[in-house]
Amino acid sequence: AARAQVAATCSVHFPCEVPQLAPAMSYETADSQKEEFRKYLEKNGIISQLTRVLVGLYEEPERPGNAIDYIKKYLGAPTGVDVEELRADNDELKRQNADLEAKVASLTSQLKELQAEQAEG
């Protein structure tokens, strides 16, 4: 019963989430685009996955303090991750990697020069 209630709510709200189209477009075109989007969501399992998440949230004995974190956790996404900190770390590691690659190129060049000198001498 909970699944049917949530599914009915989802089917009512999904079309509302589609961006509004220009007023010059006919309602038929807007309806066909909404239907195409709904089929896309259904084909890719998004509707069923969201329905499961919402049913899980509905059936929780105690409502979680942060519903977004609950949904992320339910879908398997990490929670409590500072994305900006990870991006900064990634940028720093990229910079260090570029420095090391430049050093390798320089040392490789020096090695070739020394090998050439040794072969001549």
PDB file of N, CA and C in Angstrom:
ATOM      1  N   ALA A   1       0.832  -1.186   0.000  1.00  0.00           N
ATOM      2  CA  ALA A   1       0.000   0.000   0.000  1.00  0.00           C
ATOM      3  C   ALA A   1       0.874   1.246   0.000  1.00  0.00           C
ATOM      4  N   ALA A   2       1.952   1.211   0.782  1.00  0.00           N
ATOM      5  CA  ALA A   2       2.843   2.372   0.834  1.00  0.00           C
ATOM      6  C   ALA A   2       3.480   2.598  -0.526  1.00  0.00           C
ATOM      7  N   ARG A   3       3.890   1.519  -1.184  1.00  0.00           N
ATOM      8  CA  ARG A   3       4.527   1.625  -2.500  1.00  0.00           C
ATOM      9  C   ARG A   3       3.572   2.255  -3.504  1.00  0.00           C
ATOM     10  N   ALA A   4       2.304   1.830  -3.477  1.00  0.00           N
ATOM     11  CA  ALA A   4       1.321   2.387  -4.406  1.00  0.00           C
ATOM     12  C   ALA A   4       1.094   3.867  -4.130  1.00  0.00           C
ATOM     13  N   GLN A   5       1.048   4.234  -2.849  1.00  0.00           N
ATOM     14  CA  GLN A   5       0.834   5.633  -2.489  1.00  0.00           C
ATOM     15  C   GLN A   5       2.005   6.492  -2.964  1.00  0.00           C
ATOM     16  N   VAL A   6       3.232   6.016  -2.733  1.00  0.00           N
ATOM     17  CA  VAL A   6       4.408   6.771  -3.146  1.00  0.00           C
ATOM     18  C   VAL A   6       4.508   6.799  -4.664  1.00  0.00           C
ATOM     19  N   ALA A   7       4.219   5.672  -5.321  1.00  0.00           N
ATOM     20  CA  ALA A   7       4.273   5.626  -6.788  1.00  0.00           C
ATOM     21  C   ALA A   7       3.270   6.591  -7.388  1.00  0.00           C
ATOM     22  N   ALA A   8       2.087   6.672  -6.807  1.00  0.00           N
ATOM     23  CA  ALA A   8       1.080   7.612  -7.306  1.00  0.00           C
ATOM     24  C   ALA A   8       1.574   9.042  -7.129  1.00  0.00           C
ATOM     25  N   THR A   9       2.195   9.315  -5.999  1.00  0.00           N
ATOM     26  CA  THR A   9       2.747  10.642  -5.759  1.00  0.00           C
ATOM     27  C   THR A   9       3.841  10.951  -6.771  1.00  0.00           C
ATOM     28  N   CYS A  10       4.710   9.966  -7.048  1.00  0.00           N
ATOM     29  CA  CYS A  10       5.798  10.161  -8.003  1.00  0.00           C
ATOM     30  C   CYS A  10       5.254  10.459  -9.391  1.00  0.00           C
ATOM     31  N   SER A  11       4.277   9.666  -9.838  1.00  0.00           N
ATOM     32  CA  SER A  11       3.773   9.863 -11.189  1.00  0.00           C
ATOM     33  C   SER A  11       3.078  11.204 -11.332  1.00  0.00           C
ATOM     34  N   VAL A  12       2.538  11.712 -10.255  1.00  0.00           N
ATOM     35  CA  VAL A  12       1.894  13.019 -10.299  1.00  0.00           C
ATOM     36  C   VAL A  12       2.950  14.115 -10.361  1.00  0.00           C
ATOM     37  N   HIS A  13       4.063  13.939  -9.629  1.00  0.00           N
ATOM     38  CA  HIS A  13       5.037  15.009  -9.505  1.00  0.00           C
ATOM     39  C   HIS A  13       6.107  15.010 -10.580  1.00  0.00           C
ATOM     40  N   PHE A  14       6.442  13.871 -11.176  1.00  0.00           N
ATOM     41  CA  PHE A  14       7.500  13.867 -12.171  1.00  0.00           C
ATOM     42  C   PHE A  14       7.212  14.796 -13.341  1.00  0.00           C
ATOM     43  N   PRO A  15       5.996  14.764 -13.920  1.00  0.00           N
ATOM     44  CA  PRO A  15       5.765  15.678 -15.036  1.00  0.00           C
ATOM     45  C   PRO A  15       5.915  17.139 -14.633  1.00  0.00           C
ATOM     46  N   CYS A  16       5.652  17.464 -13.393  1.00  0.00           N
ATOM     47  CA  CYS A  16       5.769  18.848 -12.929  1.00  0.00           C
ATOM     48  C   CYS A  16       7.223  19.282 -12.869  1.00  0.00           C
ATOM     49  N   GLU A  17       8.136  18.323 -12.769  1.00  0.00           N
ATOM     50  CA  GLU A  17       9.541  18.648 -12.640  1.00  0.00           C
ATOM     51  C   GLU A  17      10.183  18.943 -13.985  1.00  0.00           C
ATOM     52  N   VAL A  18       9.501  18.651 -15.092  1.00  0.00           N
ATOM     53  CA  VAL A  18      10.043  18.910 -16.412  1.00  0.00           C
ATOM     54  C   VAL A  18      10.086  20.412 -16.611  1.00  0.00           C
ATOM     55  N   PRO A  19      11.211  20.957 -17.110  1.00  0.00           N
ATOM     56  CA  PRO A  19      11.300  22.400 -17.284  1.00  0.00           C
ATOM     57  C   PRO A  19      10.159  22.918 -18.160  1.00  0.00           C
ATOM     58  N   GLN A  20       9.680  24.108 -17.841  1.00  0.00           N
ATOM     59  CA  GLN A  20       8.585  24.704 -18.600  1.00  0.00           C
ATOM     60  C   GLN A  20       9.066  25.036 -20.003  1.00  0.00           C
ATOM     61  N   LEU A  21       8.223  24.788 -20.974  1.00  0.00           N
ATOM     62  CA  LEU A  21       8.562  25.031 -22.361  1.00  0.00           C
ATOM     63  C   LEU A  21       8.086  26.415 -22.772  1.00  0.00           C
ATOM     64  N   ALA A  22       8.621  26.910 -23.868  1.00  0.00           N
ATOM     65  CA  ALA A  22       8.250  28.234 -24.359  1.00  0.00           C
ATOM     66  C   ALA A  22       6.756  28.273 -24.650  1.00  0.00           C
ATOM     67  N   PRO A  23       6.076  29.390 -24.380  1.00  0.00           N
ATOM     68  CA  PRO A  23       4.633  29.483 -24.569  1.00  0.00           C
ATOM     69  C   PRO A  23       4.202  29.251 -26.014  1.00  0.00           C
ATOM     70  N   ALA A  24       5.074  29.493 -26.970  1.00  0.00           N
ATOM     71  CA  ALA A  24       4.709  29.320 -28.376  1.00  0.00           C
ATOM     72  C   ALA A  24       4.516  27.849 -28.738  1.00  0.00           C
ATOM     73  N   MET A  25       5.086  26.945 -27.950  1.00  0.00           N
ATOM     74  CA  MET A  25       4.951  25.516 -28.255  1.00  0.00           C
ATOM     75  C   MET A  25       3.535  25.058 -27.929  1.00  0.00           C
ATOM     76  N   SER A  26       3.075  24.146 -28.712  1.00  0.00           N
ATOM     77  CA  SER A  26       1.716  23.654 -28.465  1.00  0.00           C
ATOM     78  C   SER A  26       1.709  22.729 -27.257  1.00  0.00           C
ATOM     79  N   TYR A  27       0.532  22.574 -26.665  1.00  0.00           N
ATOM     80  CA  TYR A  27       0.406  21.671 -25.519  1.00  0.00           C
ATOM     81  C   TYR A  27       0.715  20.244 -25.939  1.00  0.00           C
ATOM     82  N   GLU A  28       0.392  19.915 -27.177  1.00  0.00           N
ATOM     83  CA  GLU A  28       0.642  18.557 -27.666  1.00  0.00           C
ATOM     84  C   GLU A  28       2.143  18.271 -27.655  1.00  0.00           C
ATOM     85  N   THR A  29       2.941  19.239 -28.100  1.00  0.00           N
ATOM     86  CA  THR A  29       4.390  19.072 -28.100  1.00  0.00           C
ATOM     87  C   THR A  29       4.904  18.949 -26.669  1.00  0.00           C
ATOM     88  N   ALA A  30       4.410  19.785 -25.777  1.00  0.00           N
ATOM     89  CA  ALA A  30       4.840  19.733 -24.379  1.00  0.00           C
ATOM     90  C   ALA A  30       4.469  18.383 -23.769  1.00  0.00           C
ATOM     91  N   ASP A  31       3.251  17.924 -24.040  1.00  0.00           N
ATOM     92  CA  ASP A  31       2.828  16.628 -23.505  1.00  0.00           C
ATOM     93  C   ASP A  31       3.676  15.495 -24.065  1.00  0.00           C
ATOM     94  N   SER A  32       4.011  15.559 -25.351  1.00  0.00           N
ATOM     95  CA  SER A  32       4.826  14.490 -25.935  1.00  0.00           C
ATOM     96  C   SER A  32       6.241  14.518 -25.355  1.00  0.00           C
ATOM     97  N   GLN A  33       6.769  15.713 -25.091  1.00  0.00           N
ATOM     98  CA  GLN A  33       8.096  15.796 -24.481  1.00  0.00           C
ATOM     99  C   GLN A  33       8.072  15.269 -23.052  1.00  0.00           C
ATOM    100  N   LYS A  34       7.013  15.568 -22.319  1.00  0.00           N
ATOM    101  CA  LYS A  34       6.874  15.042 -20.958  1.00  0.00           C
ATOM    102  C   LYS A  34       6.782  13.522 -20.995  1.00  0.00           C
ATOM    103  N   GLU A  35       6.001  13.007 -21.934  1.00  0.00           N
ATOM    104  CA  GLU A  35       5.848  11.559 -22.059  1.00  0.00           C
ATOM    105  C   GLU A  35       7.181  10.912 -22.442  1.00  0.00           C
ATOM    106  N   GLU A  36       7.920  11.546 -23.336  1.00  0.00           N
ATOM    107  CA  GLU A  36       9.229  11.032 -23.739  1.00  0.00           C
ATOM    108  C   GLU A  36      10.185  11.017 -22.538  1.00  0.00           C
ATOM    109  N   PHE A  37      10.137  12.080 -21.735  1.00  0.00           N
ATOM    110  CA  PHE A  37      10.981  12.149 -20.549  1.00  0.00           C
ATOM    111  C   PHE A  37      10.580  11.090 -19.540  1.00  0.00           C
ATOM    112  N   ARG A  38       9.283  10.891 -19.351  1.00  0.00           N
ATOM    113  CA  ARG A  38       8.794   9.864 -18.431  1.00  0.00           C
ATOM    114  C   ARG A  38       9.268   8.485 -18.882  1.00  0.00           C
ATOM    115  N   LYS A  39       9.201   8.215 -20.188  1.00  0.00           N
ATOM    116  CA  LYS A  39       9.667   6.920 -20.722  1.00  0.00           C
ATOM    117  C   LYS A  39      11.166   6.757 -20.492  1.00  0.00           C
ATOM    118  N   TYR A  40      11.910   7.846 -20.667  1.00  0.00           N
ATOM    119  CA  TYR A  40      13.352   7.819 -20.413  1.00  0.00           C
ATOM    120  C   TYR A  40      13.635   7.446 -18.954  1.00  0.00           C
ATOM    121  N   LEU A  41      12.918   8.102 -18.027  1.00  0.00           N
ATOM    122  CA  LEU A  41      13.092   7.808 -16.604  1.00  0.00           C
ATOM    123  C   LEU A  41      12.741   6.360 -16.298  1.00  0.00           C
ATOM    124  N   GLU A  42      11.661   5.892 -16.892  1.00  0.00           N
ATOM    125  CA  GLU A  42      11.224   4.522 -16.645  1.00  0.00           C
ATOM    126  C   GLU A  42      12.206   3.522 -17.241  1.00  0.00           C
ATOM    127  N   LYS A  43      12.647   3.765 -18.477  1.00  0.00           N
ATOM    128  CA  LYS A  43      13.566   2.857 -19.170  1.00  0.00           C
ATOM    129  C   LYS A  43      14.877   2.694 -18.407  1.00  0.00           C
ATOM    130  N   ASN A  44      15.348   3.767 -17.809  1.00  0.00           N
ATOM    131  CA  ASN A  44      16.623   3.738 -17.105  1.00  0.00           C
ATOM    132  C   ASN A  44      16.501   3.361 -15.633  1.00  0.00           C
ATOM    133  N   GLY A  45      15.308   2.971 -15.208  1.00  0.00           N
ATOM    134  CA  GLY A  45      15.111   2.488 -13.846  1.00  0.00           C
ATOM    135  C   GLY A  45      15.083   3.580 -12.790  1.00  0.00           C
ATOM    136  N   ILE A  46      14.998   4.812 -13.221  1.00  0.00           N
ATOM    137  CA  ILE A  46      15.035   5.921 -12.270  1.00  0.00           C
ATOM    138  C   ILE A  46      13.755   5.979 -11.451  1.00  0.00           C
ATOM    139  N   ILE A  47      12.624   5.802 -12.113  1.00  0.00           N
ATOM    140  CA  ILE A  47      11.343   5.863 -11.401  1.00  0.00           C
ATOM    141  C   ILE A  47      11.270   4.765 -10.348  1.00  0.00           C
ATOM    142  N   SER A  48      11.641   3.538 -10.720  1.00  0.00           N
ATOM    143  CA  SER A  48      11.553   2.442  -9.748  1.00  0.00           C
ATOM    144  C   SER A  48      12.533   2.654  -8.589  1.00  0.00           C
ATOM    145  N   GLN A  49      13.726   3.166  -8.887  1.00  0.00           N
ATOM    146  CA  GLN A  49      14.710   3.395  -7.825  1.00  0.00           C
ATOM    147  C   GLN A  49      14.232   4.499  -6.881  1.00  0.00           C
ATOM    148  N   LEU A  50      13.714   5.586  -7.447  1.00  0.00           N
ATOM    149  CA  LEU A  50      13.210   6.667  -6.599  1.00  0.00           C
ATOM    150  C   LEU A  50      12.008   6.209  -5.788  1.00  0.00           C
ATOM    151  N   THR A  51      11.176   5.380  -6.390  1.00  0.00           N
ATOM    152  CA  THR A  51      10.017   4.853  -5.665  1.00  0.00           C
ATOM    153  C   THR A  51      10.484   4.028  -4.470  1.00  0.00           C
ATOM    154  N   ARG A  52      11.509   3.187  -4.686  1.00  0.00           N
ATOM    155  CA  ARG A  52      12.042   2.376  -3.581  1.00  0.00           C
ATOM    156  C   ARG A  52      12.593   3.262  -2.466  1.00  0.00           C
ATOM    157  N   VAL A  53      13.313   4.315  -2.857  1.00  0.00           N
ATOM    158  CA  VAL A  53      13.872   5.225  -1.859  1.00  0.00           C
ATOM    159  C   VAL A  53      12.761   5.884  -1.056  1.00  0.00           C
ATOM    160  N   LEU A  54      11.748   6.386  -1.757  1.00  0.00           N
ATOM    161  CA  LEU A  54      10.656   7.079  -1.073  1.00  0.00           C
ATOM    162  C   LEU A  54       9.841   6.130  -0.202  1.00  0.00           C
ATOM    163  N   VAL A  55       9.659   4.897  -0.664  1.00  0.00           N
ATOM    164  CA  VAL A  55       8.959   3.908   0.160  1.00  0.00           C
ATOM    165  C   VAL A  55       9.784   3.614   1.410  1.00  0.00           C
ATOM    166  N   GLY A  56      11.105   3.458   1.236  1.00  0.00           N
ATOM    167  CA  GLY A  56      11.975   3.228   2.386  1.00  0.00           C
ATOM    168  C   GLY A  56      11.896   4.367   3.385  1.00  0.00           C
ATOM    169  N   LEU A  57      11.879   5.579   2.879  1.00  0.00           N
ATOM    170  CA  LEU A  57      11.762   6.749   3.752  1.00  0.00           C
ATOM    171  C   LEU A  57      10.398   6.774   4.439  1.00  0.00           C
ATOM    172  N   TYR A  58       9.358   6.440   3.694  1.00  0.00           N
ATOM    173  CA  TYR A  58       7.994   6.418   4.244  1.00  0.00           C
ATOM    174  C   TYR A  58       7.866   5.374   5.350  1.00  0.00           C
ATOM    175  N   GLU A  59       8.535   4.233   5.167  1.00  0.00           N
ATOM    176  CA  GLU A  59       8.413   3.124   6.116  1.00  0.00           C
ATOM    177  C   GLU A  59       9.369   3.240   7.295  1.00  0.00           C
ATOM    178  N   GLU A  60      10.245   4.243   7.303  1.00  0.00           N
ATOM    179  CA  GLU A  60      11.159   4.441   8.438  1.00  0.00           C
ATOM    180  C   GLU A  60      10.334   4.719   9.691  1.00  0.00           C
ATOM    181  N   PRO A  61      10.625   4.008  10.791  1.00  0.00           N
ATOM    182  CA  PRO A  61       9.871   4.247  12.019  1.00  0.00           C
ATOM    183  C   PRO A  61      10.085   5.672  12.546  1.00  0.00           C
ATOM    184  N   GLU A  62      11.305   6.177  12.415  1.00  0.00           N
ATOM    185  CA  GLU A  62      11.598   7.547  12.829  1.00  0.00           C
ATOM    186  C   GLU A  62      12.114   8.298  11.606  1.00  0.00           C
ATOM    187  N   ARG A  63      11.563   9.463  11.366  1.00  0.00           N
ATOM    188  CA  ARG A  63      11.996  10.266  10.230  1.00  0.00           C
ATOM    189  C   ARG A  63      13.438  10.726  10.450  1.00  0.00           C
ATOM    190  N   PRO A  64      14.301  10.503   9.456  1.00  0.00           N
ATOM    191  CA  PRO A  64      15.689  10.960   9.598  1.00  0.00           C
ATOM    192  C   PRO A  64      15.754  12.483   9.655  1.00  0.00           C
ATOM    193  N   GLY A  65      16.727  12.990  10.390  1.00  0.00           N
ATOM    194  CA  GLY A  65      16.896  14.435  10.511  1.00  0.00           C
ATOM    195  C   GLY A  65      17.240  15.081   9.181  1.00  0.00           C
ATOM    196  N   ASN A  66      18.007  14.377   8.351  1.00  0.00           N
ATOM    197  CA  ASN A  66      18.413  14.907   7.056  1.00  0.00           C
ATOM    198  C   ASN A  66      17.975  13.922   5.980  1.00  0.00           C
ATOM    199  N   ALA A  67      16.873  14.207   5.333  1.00  0.00           N
ATOM    200  CA  ALA A  67      16.311  13.298   4.329  1.00  0.00           C
ATOM    201  C   ALA A  67      17.247  13.130   3.135  1.00  0.00           C
ATOM    202  N   ILE A  68      17.956  14.192   2.769  1.00  0.00           N
ATOM    203  CA  ILE A  68      18.879  14.107   1.631  1.00  0.00           C
ATOM    204  C   ILE A  68      19.991  13.109   1.921  1.00  0.00           C
ATOM    205  N   ASP A  69      20.579  13.171   3.115  1.00  0.00           N
ATOM    206  CA  ASP A  69      21.616  12.202   3.481  1.00  0.00           C
ATOM    207  C   ASP A  69      21.045  10.785   3.512  1.00  0.00           C
ATOM    208  N   TYR A  70      19.814  10.639   3.987  1.00  0.00           N
ATOM    209  CA  TYR A  70      19.164   9.325   3.992  1.00  0.00           C
ATOM    210  C   TYR A  70      19.072   8.794   2.558  1.00  0.00           C
ATOM    211  N   ILE A  71      18.623   9.634   1.639  1.00  0.00           N
ATOM    212  CA  ILE A  71      18.468   9.204   0.241  1.00  0.00           C
ATOM    213  C   ILE A  71      19.822   8.861  -0.364  1.00  0.00           C
ATOM    214  N   LYS A  72      20.826   9.691  -0.106  1.00  0.00           N
ATOM    215  CA  LYS A  72      22.171   9.406  -0.619  1.00  0.00           C
ATOM    216  C   LYS A  72      22.674   8.066  -0.091  1.00  0.00           C
ATOM    217  N   LYS A  73      22.481   7.842   1.206  1.00  0.00           N
ATOM    218  CA  LYS A  73      22.933   6.592   1.829  1.00  0.00           C
ATOM    219  C   LYS A  73      22.166   5.407   1.228  1.00  0.00           C
ATOM    220  N   TYR A  74      20.866   5.582   1.049  1.00  0.00           N
ATOM    221  CA  TYR A  74      20.030   4.519   0.489  1.00  0.00           C
ATOM    222  C   TYR A  74      20.497   4.156  -0.924  1.00  0.00           C
ATOM    223  N   LEU A  75      20.894   5.153  -1.686  1.00  0.00           N
ATOM    224  CA  LEU A  75      21.343   4.920  -3.055  1.00  0.00           C
ATOM    225  C   LEU A  75      22.814   4.509  -3.124  1.00  0.00           C
ATOM    226  N   GLY A  76      23.507   4.529  -1.975  1.00  0.00           N
ATOM    227  CA  GLY A  76      24.889   4.078  -1.936  1.00  0.00           C
ATOM    228  C   GLY A  76      25.915   5.177  -2.112  1.00  0.00           C
ATOM    229  N   ALA A  77      25.491   6.433  -2.106  1.00  0.00           N
ATOM    230  CA  ALA A  77      26.435   7.541  -2.239  1.00  0.00           C
ATOM    231  C   ALA A  77      27.093   7.815  -0.896  1.00  0.00           C
ATOM    232  N   PRO A  78      28.358   8.209  -0.921  1.00  0.00           N
ATOM    233  CA  PRO A  78      29.013   8.544   0.349  1.00  0.00           C
ATOM    234  C   PRO A  78      28.416   9.812   0.937  1.00  0.00           C
ATOM    235  N   THR A  79      28.325   9.839   2.254  1.00  0.00           N
ATOM    236  CA  THR A  79      27.811  11.037   2.931  1.00  0.00           C
ATOM    237  C   THR A  79      28.920  11.615   3.782  1.00  0.00           C
ATOM    238  N   GLY A  80      28.819  12.878   4.087  1.00  0.00           N
ATOM    239  CA  GLY A  80      29.810  13.530   4.924  1.00  0.00           C
ATOM    240  C   GLY A  80      31.128  13.777   4.222  1.00  0.00           C
ATOM    241  N   VAL A  81      31.124  13.805   2.893  1.00  0.00           N
ATOM    242  CA  VAL A  81      32.342  14.025   2.135  1.00  0.00           C
ATOM    243  C   VAL A  81      32.411  15.496   1.743  1.00  0.00           C
ATOM    244  N   ASP A  82      33.545  16.127   2.010  1.00  0.00           N
ATOM    245  CA  ASP A  82      33.740  17.527   1.636  1.00  0.00           C
ATOM    246  C   ASP A  82      34.292  17.561   0.214  1.00  0.00           C
ATOM    247  N   VAL A  83      33.426  17.829  -0.730  1.00  0.00           N
ATOM    248  CA  VAL A  83      33.791  17.797  -2.145  1.00  0.00           C
ATOM    249  C   VAL A  83      34.839  18.856  -2.463  1.00  0.00           C
ATOM    250  N   GLU A  84      34.696  20.035  -1.888  1.00  0.00           N
ATOM    251  CA  GLU A  84      35.661  21.113  -2.155  1.00  0.00           C
ATOM    252  C   GLU A  84      37.057  20.727  -1.670  1.00  0.00           C
ATOM    253  N   GLU A  85      37.114  20.080  -0.515  1.00  0.00           N
ATOM    254  CA  GLU A  85      38.418  19.639   0.004  1.00  0.00           C
ATOM    255  C   GLU A  85      39.027  18.582  -0.920  1.00  0.00           C
ATOM    256  N   LEU A  86      38.200  17.659  -1.405  1.00  0.00           N
ATOM    257  CA  LEU A  86      38.698  16.644  -2.330  1.00  0.00           C
ATOM    258  C   LEU A  86      39.191  17.273  -3.628  1.00  0.00           C
ATOM    259  N   ARG A  87      38.480  18.290  -4.125  1.00  0.00           N
ATOM    260  CA  ARG A  87      38.919  18.977  -5.342  1.00  0.00           C
ATOM    261  C   ARG A  87      40.252  19.681  -5.122  1.00  0.00           C
ATOM    262  N   ALA A  88      40.402  20.333  -3.970  1.00  0.00           N
ATOM    263  CA  ALA A  88      41.662  21.020  -3.657  1.00  0.00           C
ATOM    264  C   ALA A  88      42.804  20.004  -3.574  1.00  0.00           C
ATOM    265  N   ASP A  89      42.561  18.877  -2.911  1.00  0.00           N
ATOM    266  CA  ASP A  89      43.567  17.814  -2.823  1.00  0.00           C
ATOM    267  C   ASP A  89      43.929  17.304  -4.218  1.00  0.00           C
ATOM    268  N   ASN A  90      42.914  17.119  -5.044  1.00  0.00           N
ATOM    269  CA  ASN A  90      43.134  16.629  -6.399  1.00  0.00           C
ATOM    270  C   ASN A  90      43.976  17.624  -7.202  1.00  0.00           C
ATOM    271  N   ASP A  91      43.670  18.914  -7.087  1.00  0.00           N
ATOM    272  CA  ASP A  91      44.444  19.940  -7.790  1.00  0.00           C
ATOM    273  C   ASP A  91      45.902  19.940  -7.323  1.00  0.00           C
ATOM    274  N   GLU A  92      46.106  19.813  -6.017  1.00  0.00           N
ATOM    275  CA  GLU A  92      47.472  19.780  -5.482  1.00  0.00           C
ATOM    276  C   GLU A  92      48.222  18.545  -5.989  1.00  0.00           C
ATOM    277  N   LEU A  93      47.565  17.404  -6.007  1.00  0.00           N
ATOM    278  CA  LEU A  93      48.204  16.177  -6.503  1.00  0.00           C
ATOM    279  C   LEU A  93      48.521  16.273  -7.996  1.00  0.00           C
ATOM    280  N   LYS A  94      47.637  16.919  -8.751  1.00  0.00           N
ATOM    281  CA  LYS A  94      47.917  17.129 -10.179  1.00  0.00           C
ATOM    282  C   LYS A  94      49.146  18.011 -10.358  1.00  0.00           C
ATOM    283  N   ARG A  95      49.260  19.071  -9.532  1.00  0.00           N
ATOM    284  CA  ARG A  95      50.418  19.956  -9.614  1.00  0.00           C
ATOM    285  C   ARG A  95      51.707  19.198  -9.275  1.00  0.00           C
ATOM    286  N   GLN A  96      51.657  18.398  -8.195  1.00  0.00           N
ATOM    287  CA  GLN A  96      52.824  17.599  -7.808  1.00  0.00           C
ATOM    288  C   GLN A  96      53.193  16.609  -8.907  1.00  0.00           C
ATOM    289  N   ASN A  97      52.187  16.006  -9.522  1.00  0.00           N
ATOM    290  CA  ASN A  97      52.435  15.053 -10.595  1.00  0.00           C
ATOM    291  C   ASN A  97      53.116  15.739 -11.776  1.00  0.00           C
ATOM    292  N   ALA A  98      52.637  16.942 -12.142  1.00  0.00           N
ATOM    293  CA  ALA A  98      53.250  17.687 -13.249  1.00  0.00           C
ATOM    294  C   ALA A  98      54.699  18.031 -12.925  1.00  0.00           C
ATOM    295  N   ASP A  99      54.967  18.441 -11.673  1.00  0.00           N
ATOM    296  CA  ASP A  99      56.340  18.743 -11.260  1.00  0.00           C
ATOM    297  C   ASP A  99      57.226  17.509 -11.380  1.00  0.00           C
ATOM    298  N   LEU A 100      56.717  16.378 -10.924  1.00  0.00           N
ATOM    299  CA  LEU A 100      57.507  15.140 -10.994  1.00  0.00           C
ATOM    300  C   LEU A 100      57.734  14.700 -12.437  1.00  0.00           C
ATOM    301  N   GLU A 101      56.731  14.866 -13.286  1.00  0.00           N
ATOM    302  CA  GLU A 101      56.909  14.510 -14.699  1.00  0.00           C
ATOM    303  C   GLU A 101      57.962  15.392 -15.352  1.00  0.00           C
ATOM    304  N   ALA A 102      57.975  16.680 -14.996  1.00  0.00           N
ATOM    305  CA  ALA A 102      58.990  17.589 -15.531  1.00  0.00           C
ATOM    306  C   ALA A 102      60.381  17.178 -15.041  1.00  0.00           C
ATOM    307  N   LYS A 103      60.471  16.779 -13.772  1.00  0.00           N
ATOM    308  CA  LYS A 103      61.760  16.340 -13.218  1.00  0.00           C
ATOM    309  C   LYS A 103      62.243  15.069 -13.913  1.00  0.00           C
ATOM    310  N   VAL A 104      61.339  14.136 -14.177  1.00  0.00           N
ATOM    311  CA  VAL A 104      61.697  12.897 -14.880  1.00  0.00           C
ATOM    312  C   VAL A 104      62.214  13.234 -16.281  1.00  0.00           C
ATOM    313  N   ALA A 105      61.521  14.143 -16.970  1.00  0.00           N
ATOM    314  CA  ALA A 105      61.950  14.527 -18.314  1.00  0.00           C
ATOM    315  C   ALA A 105      63.339  15.161 -18.269  1.00  0.00           C
ATOM    316  N   SER A 106      63.588  16.022 -17.281  1.00  0.00           N
ATOM    317  CA  SER A 106      64.889  16.679 -17.148  1.00  0.00           C
ATOM    318  C   SER A 106      65.983  15.654 -16.856  1.00  0.00           C
ATOM    319  N   LEU A 107      65.722  14.758 -15.916  1.00  0.00           N
ATOM    320  CA  LEU A 107      66.729  13.745 -15.566  1.00  0.00           C
ATOM    321  C   LEU A 107      66.973  12.776 -16.722  1.00  0.00           C
ATOM    322  N   THR A 108      65.940  12.452 -17.475  1.00  0.00           N
ATOM    323  CA  THR A 108      66.103  11.580 -18.636  1.00  0.00           C
ATOM    324  C   THR A 108      66.990  12.258 -19.672  1.00  0.00           C
ATOM    325  N   SER A 109      66.788  13.556 -19.864  1.00  0.00           N
ATOM    326  CA  SER A 109      67.612  14.322 -20.805  1.00  0.00           C
ATOM    327  C   SER A 109      69.066  14.351 -20.342  1.00  0.00           C
ATOM    328  N   GLN A 110      69.285  14.603 -19.041  1.00  0.00           N
ATOM    329  CA  GLN A 110      70.649  14.619 -18.497  1.00  0.00           C
ATOM    330  C   GLN A 110      71.316  13.262 -18.662  1.00  0.00           C
ATOM    331  N   LEU A 111      70.565  12.198 -18.433  1.00  0.00           N
ATOM    332  CA  LEU A 111      71.111  10.838 -18.564  1.00  0.00           C
ATOM    333  C   LEU A 111      71.540  10.573 -19.998  1.00  0.00           C
ATOM    334  N   LYS A 112      70.727  10.973 -20.949  1.00  0.00           N
ATOM    335  CA  LYS A 112      71.073  10.770 -22.365  1.00  0.00           C
ATOM    336  C   LYS A 112      72.339  11.550 -22.730  1.00  0.00           C
ATOM    337  N   GLU A 113      72.450  12.784 -22.214  1.00  0.00           N
ATOM    338  CA  GLU A 113      73.656  13.578 -22.470  1.00  0.00           C
ATOM    339  C   GLU A 113      74.890  12.908 -21.896  1.00  0.00           C
ATOM    340  N   LEU A 114      74.785  12.403 -20.645  1.00  0.00           N
ATOM    341  CA  LEU A 114      75.916  11.737 -20.023  1.00  0.00           C
ATOM    342  C   LEU A 114      76.280  10.451 -20.754  1.00  0.00           C
ATOM    343  N   GLN A 115      75.262   9.707 -21.209  1.00  0.00           N
ATOM    344  CA  GLN A 115      75.543   8.482 -21.952  1.00  0.00           C
ATOM    345  C   GLN A 115      76.235   8.794 -23.286  1.00  0.00           C
ATOM    346  N   ALA A 116      75.825   9.881 -23.935  1.00  0.00           N
ATOM    347  CA  ALA A 116      76.424  10.275 -25.198  1.00  0.00           C
ATOM    348  C   ALA A 116      77.892  10.690 -24.980  1.00  0.00           C
ATOM    349  N   GLU A 117      78.143  11.460 -23.896  1.00  0.00           N
ATOM    350  CA  GLU A 117      79.511  11.872 -23.570  1.00  0.00           C
ATOM    351  C   GLU A 117      80.395  10.670 -23.264  1.00  0.00           C
ATOM    352  N   GLN A 118      79.835   9.702 -22.544  1.00  0.00           N
ATOM    353  CA  GLN A 118      80.587   8.506 -22.150  1.00  0.00           C
ATOM    354  C   GLN A 118      80.893   7.669 -23.387  1.00  0.00           C
ATOM    355  N   ALA A 119      79.975   7.592 -24.331  1.00  0.00           N
ATOM    356  CA  ALA A 119      80.190   6.814 -25.550  1.00  0.00           C
ATOM    357  C   ALA A 119      81.272   7.468 -26.424  1.00  0.00           C
ATOM    358  N   GLU A 120      81.346   8.794 -26.408  1.00  0.00           N
ATOM    359  CA  GLU A 120      82.326   9.521 -27.206  1.00  0.00           C
ATOM    360  C   GLU A 120      83.709   9.450 -26.562  1.00  0.00           C
ATOM    361  N   GLY A 121      83.749   9.439 -25.236  1.00  0.00           N
ATOM    362  CA  GLY A 121      84.988   9.576 -24.513  1.00  0.00           C
ATOM    363  C   GLY A 121      85.615   8.320 -24.175  1.00  0.00           C
TER     364      GLY A 121
END
